[in-house]
Every structure is written in structure tokens, then in C-alpha cells.
């Protein structure tokens, strides 16, 4: 029996299948459904859990080399929210890109999507393995 770290078997399975340059998406409650992508829905109620909470669990579990978020995140959220994401990511480079033109075009190439109850505007993140 697992004593620490991620306990959700579906999330553990998804992370175990991440290989070099594969991506996963951690998304908010309103993120569109993508039928071609395995989706693990862990939303309970608004903000439970949040993208940031799932990110805190996923980052130590995998070797991520890049992260992508919508540039609109920067206009919709204050510096404290951005700082929280950057603290969790640590040395993982974070790139901001246009939500519709670039970010959403990455989504169909992900091997999985974890849907949370987050209400943070544009708080979705794509993680790419190193």
C-alpha cells in the first residue's frame, strides 16, 4: 500500500506512462472535453482540488523539462498567483503563449488530462517531460 505521495491510481498510472517529450495537461473545471485524450476528472466542488495542488503533487513525481500556460493568465491573475506557480515549478522553464492560437493546439497531443475543480482564470498548465 502506498504511504505517501500521489494516492489516486489513475493519476499514478498516467504519470507512469509519461515518456521523453510526452505532455500532460492539468486543467480547471471549465476546460473543454477532448474525447481523444484520457481524462481523469478529480473535480469535487469549486477549487477542490486546484491545479496548483495537483501540480504540487505531480512535479516531484516526474522529470518535467518545460511547462506552458496561456499568456492571458498574466492579465487575469495577480503576482501572488503567478509566484505560487513558479515556486512549485522551481527550475522548470515556464512559457506563456496565446490561449487559442498556441496553447489549445498543444492539448490534442497530450497523453492525458487531469481535470480539477479550479476556478483560477487561465490556470491550466501543460507539462512536458524532459
C-alpha atoms as a PDB file:
ATOM      1  CA  UNK A   1       0.000   0.000   0.000  1.00  0.00           C
ATOM      2  CA  UNK A   2       1.294   3.468  -0.914  1.00  0.00           C
ATOM      3  CA  UNK A   3       2.092   5.518   2.180  1.00  0.00           C
ATOM      4  CA  UNK A   4       2.937   8.899   0.691  1.00  0.00           C
ATOM      5  CA  UNK A   5       2.726  10.966  -2.454  1.00  0.00           C
ATOM      6  CA  UNK A   6       0.020  10.579  -5.061  1.00  0.00           C
ATOM      7  CA  UNK A   7      -2.611   8.068  -3.978  1.00  0.00           C
ATOM      8  CA  UNK A   8      -5.027   8.258  -6.937  1.00  0.00           C
ATOM      9  CA  UNK A   9      -4.375   5.111  -9.037  1.00  0.00           C
ATOM     10  CA  UNK A  10      -5.477   6.728 -12.298  1.00  0.00           C
ATOM     11  CA  UNK A  11      -3.111   9.663 -11.846  1.00  0.00           C
ATOM     12  CA  UNK A  12      -0.276   7.307 -10.854  1.00  0.00           C
ATOM     13  CA  UNK A  13      -0.903   5.244 -13.985  1.00  0.00           C
ATOM     14  CA  UNK A  14      -0.927   8.319 -16.214  1.00  0.00           C
ATOM     15  CA  UNK A  15       2.305   9.690 -14.743  1.00  0.00           C
ATOM     16  CA  UNK A  16       3.980   6.274 -15.009  1.00  0.00           C
ATOM     17  CA  UNK A  17       3.319   6.292 -18.760  1.00  0.00           C
ATOM     18  CA  UNK A  18       4.923   9.702 -19.369  1.00  0.00           C
ATOM     19  CA  UNK A  19       7.999   9.314 -21.548  1.00  0.00           C
ATOM     20  CA  UNK A  20      10.506  11.710 -23.091  1.00  0.00           C
ATOM     21  CA  UNK A  21       8.733  14.786 -24.560  1.00  0.00           C
ATOM     22  CA  UNK A  22       5.231  13.498 -23.664  1.00  0.00           C
ATOM     23  CA  UNK A  23       2.874  16.080 -22.239  1.00  0.00           C
ATOM     24  CA  UNK A  24       0.063  16.067 -19.711  1.00  0.00           C
ATOM     25  CA  UNK A  25      -2.494  18.777 -19.024  1.00  0.00           C
ATOM     26  CA  UNK A  26      -3.692  19.842 -15.593  1.00  0.00           C
ATOM     27  CA  UNK A  27      -6.840  21.842 -16.177  1.00  0.00           C
ATOM     28  CA  UNK A  28      -9.576  23.790 -14.433  1.00  0.00           C
ATOM     29  CA  UNK A  29     -13.234  22.844 -14.056  1.00  0.00           C
ATOM     30  CA  UNK A  30     -14.304  24.581 -17.264  1.00  0.00           C
ATOM     31  CA  UNK A  31     -11.642  23.206 -19.606  1.00  0.00           C
ATOM     32  CA  UNK A  32     -13.202  21.662 -22.732  1.00  0.00           C
ATOM     33  CA  UNK A  33     -13.565  17.901 -23.002  1.00  0.00           C
ATOM     34  CA  UNK A  34     -11.201  16.334 -25.534  1.00  0.00           C
ATOM     35  CA  UNK A  35     -12.572  12.889 -26.469  1.00  0.00           C
ATOM     36  CA  UNK A  36      -9.254  11.695 -27.873  1.00  0.00           C
ATOM     37  CA  UNK A  37      -7.375  12.301 -24.600  1.00  0.00           C
ATOM     38  CA  UNK A  38      -7.567  10.193 -21.476  1.00  0.00           C
ATOM     39  CA  UNK A  39      -9.232  12.428 -18.893  1.00  0.00           C
ATOM     40  CA  UNK A  40      -9.058  11.906 -15.160  1.00  0.00           C
ATOM     41  CA  UNK A  41     -11.713  14.058 -13.523  1.00  0.00           C
ATOM     42  CA  UNK A  42     -10.951  14.730  -9.871  1.00  0.00           C
ATOM     43  CA  UNK A  43     -13.129  17.827  -9.502  1.00  0.00           C
ATOM     44  CA  UNK A  44     -15.231  17.825  -6.332  1.00  0.00           C
ATOM     45  CA  UNK A  45     -16.502  21.385  -5.874  1.00  0.00           C
ATOM     46  CA  UNK A  46     -15.203  24.829  -6.841  1.00  0.00           C
ATOM     47  CA  UNK A  47     -11.478  24.969  -6.080  1.00  0.00           C
ATOM     48  CA  UNK A  48     -11.242  21.427  -4.763  1.00  0.00           C
ATOM     49  CA  UNK A  49      -8.735  20.416  -5.796  1.00  0.00           C
ATOM     50  CA  UNK A  50      -6.925  23.213  -7.608  1.00  0.00           C
ATOM     51  CA  UNK A  51      -4.490  22.978 -10.490  1.00  0.00           C
ATOM     52  CA  UNK A  52      -1.781  24.229  -8.146  1.00  0.00           C
ATOM     53  CA  UNK A  53      -2.484  21.451  -5.613  1.00  0.00           C
ATOM     54  CA  UNK A  54      -2.235  18.774  -8.306  1.00  0.00           C
ATOM     55  CA  UNK A  55       0.880  20.442  -9.692  1.00  0.00           C
ATOM     56  CA  UNK A  56       2.486  20.280  -6.223  1.00  0.00           C
ATOM     57  CA  UNK A  57       1.952  16.512  -6.242  1.00  0.00           C
ATOM     58  CA  UNK A  58       2.945  15.874  -9.874  1.00  0.00           C
ATOM     59  CA  UNK A  59       6.166  17.887 -10.142  1.00  0.00           C
ATOM     60  CA  UNK A  60       8.171  15.807  -7.621  1.00  0.00           C
ATOM     61  CA  UNK A  61       6.867  12.578  -9.183  1.00  0.00           C
ATOM     62  CA  UNK A  62       8.153  13.183 -12.734  1.00  0.00           C
ATOM     63  CA  UNK A  63      11.039  14.703 -14.630  1.00  0.00           C
ATOM     64  CA  UNK A  64       9.387  17.652 -16.339  1.00  0.00           C
ATOM     65  CA  UNK A  65      11.527  19.869 -18.548  1.00  0.00           C
ATOM     66  CA  UNK A  66       9.020  22.502 -19.684  1.00  0.00           C
ATOM     67  CA  UNK A  67       5.675  23.999 -18.757  1.00  0.00           C
ATOM     68  CA  UNK A  68       3.215  26.018 -20.831  1.00  0.00           C
ATOM     69  CA  UNK A  69       0.382  28.325 -19.796  1.00  0.00           C
ATOM     70  CA  UNK A  70      -1.857  30.817 -21.531  1.00  0.00           C
ATOM     71  CA  UNK A  71      -0.488  34.365 -21.632  1.00  0.00           C
ATOM     72  CA  UNK A  72      -3.978  35.513 -20.655  1.00  0.00           C
ATOM     73  CA  UNK A  73      -3.205  34.087 -17.192  1.00  0.00           C
ATOM     74  CA  UNK A  74      -0.903  37.062 -16.625  1.00  0.00           C
ATOM     75  CA  UNK A  75      -3.669  39.611 -17.242  1.00  0.00           C
ATOM     76  CA  UNK A  76      -6.324  37.769 -15.198  1.00  0.00           C
ATOM     77  CA  UNK A  77      -4.336  36.941 -12.052  1.00  0.00           C
ATOM     78  CA  UNK A  78      -2.193  38.861  -9.596  1.00  0.00           C
ATOM     79  CA  UNK A  79       1.521  38.418  -8.938  1.00  0.00           C
ATOM     80  CA  UNK A  80       0.887  36.213  -5.884  1.00  0.00           C
ATOM     81  CA  UNK A  81      -0.820  33.563  -8.024  1.00  0.00           C
ATOM     82  CA  UNK A  82       1.995  33.647 -10.593  1.00  0.00           C
ATOM     83  CA  UNK A  83       4.582  33.405  -7.833  1.00  0.00           C
ATOM     84  CA  UNK A  84       2.837  30.336  -6.385  1.00  0.00           C
ATOM     85  CA  UNK A  85       3.002  28.542  -9.753  1.00  0.00           C
ATOM     86  CA  UNK A  86       6.650  29.480 -10.256  1.00  0.00           C
ATOM     87  CA  UNK A  87       7.572  28.287  -6.758  1.00  0.00           C
ATOM     88  CA  UNK A  88       6.065  24.862  -7.443  1.00  0.00           C
ATOM     89  CA  UNK A  89       7.726  24.622 -10.863  1.00  0.00           C
ATOM     90  CA  UNK A  90      11.131  25.556  -9.473  1.00  0.00           C
ATOM     91  CA  UNK A  91      13.689  25.282 -12.288  1.00  0.00           C
ATOM     92  CA  UNK A  92      11.177  24.056 -14.878  1.00  0.00           C
ATOM     93  CA  UNK A  93      11.000  26.726 -17.607  1.00  0.00           C
ATOM     94  CA  UNK A  94       7.529  28.260 -17.936  1.00  0.00           C
ATOM     95  CA  UNK A  95       6.419  29.657 -21.290  1.00  0.00           C
ATOM     96  CA  UNK A  96       3.315  31.792 -21.755  1.00  0.00           C
ATOM     97  CA  UNK A  97       1.557  31.597 -25.119  1.00  0.00           C
ATOM     98  CA  UNK A  98      -1.718  32.730 -26.651  1.00  0.00           C
ATOM     99  CA  UNK A  99      -4.560  30.570 -25.326  1.00  0.00           C
ATOM    100  CA  UNK A 100      -6.424  29.958 -28.589  1.00  0.00           C
ATOM    101  CA  UNK A 101      -3.641  30.278 -31.150  1.00  0.00           C
ATOM    102  CA  UNK A 102      -0.992  28.102 -29.482  1.00  0.00           C
ATOM    103  CA  UNK A 103      -1.842  26.672 -26.047  1.00  0.00           C
ATOM    104  CA  UNK A 104      -5.028  24.829 -27.038  1.00  0.00           C
ATOM    105  CA  UNK A 105      -3.301  23.417 -30.134  1.00  0.00           C
ATOM    106  CA  UNK A 106      -0.899  21.564 -27.837  1.00  0.00           C
ATOM    107  CA  UNK A 107      -3.724  19.816 -25.968  1.00  0.00           C
ATOM    108  CA  UNK A 108      -4.616  17.083 -28.520  1.00  0.00           C
ATOM    109  CA  UNK A 109      -1.003  15.865 -28.405  1.00  0.00           C
ATOM    110  CA  UNK A 110      -1.074  15.261 -24.637  1.00  0.00           C
ATOM    111  CA  UNK A 111      -1.258  11.707 -23.338  1.00  0.00           C
ATOM    112  CA  UNK A 112      -3.661  12.697 -20.599  1.00  0.00           C
ATOM    113  CA  UNK A 113      -5.598  15.453 -18.896  1.00  0.00           C
ATOM    114  CA  UNK A 114      -6.332  15.849 -15.196  1.00  0.00           C
ATOM    115  CA  UNK A 115      -9.443  17.963 -14.640  1.00  0.00           C
ATOM    116  CA  UNK A 116      -9.678  19.756 -11.300  1.00  0.00           C
ATOM    117  CA  UNK A 117     -12.271  21.966  -9.642  1.00  0.00           C
ATOM    118  CA  UNK A 118     -10.066  25.041 -10.044  1.00  0.00           C
ATOM    119  CA  UNK A 119     -11.652  28.428 -10.775  1.00  0.00           C
ATOM    120  CA  UNK A 120      -8.391  30.333 -11.385  1.00  0.00           C
ATOM    121  CA  UNK A 121      -8.719  32.188 -14.678  1.00  0.00           C
ATOM    122  CA  UNK A 122      -6.493  30.549 -17.320  1.00  0.00           C
ATOM    123  CA  UNK A 123      -4.812  28.463 -14.603  1.00  0.00           C
ATOM    124  CA  UNK A 124      -4.412  25.450 -16.916  1.00  0.00           C
ATOM    125  CA  UNK A 125      -0.917  24.108 -17.433  1.00  0.00           C
ATOM    126  CA  UNK A 126       0.725  21.715 -19.855  1.00  0.00           C
ATOM    127  CA  UNK A 127       3.753  19.849 -18.549  1.00  0.00           C
ATOM    128  CA  UNK A 128       6.313  18.318 -20.913  1.00  0.00           C
ATOM    129  CA  UNK A 129       8.637  15.577 -19.760  1.00  0.00           C
ATOM    130  CA  UNK A 130      12.357  16.095 -20.123  1.00  0.00           C
END
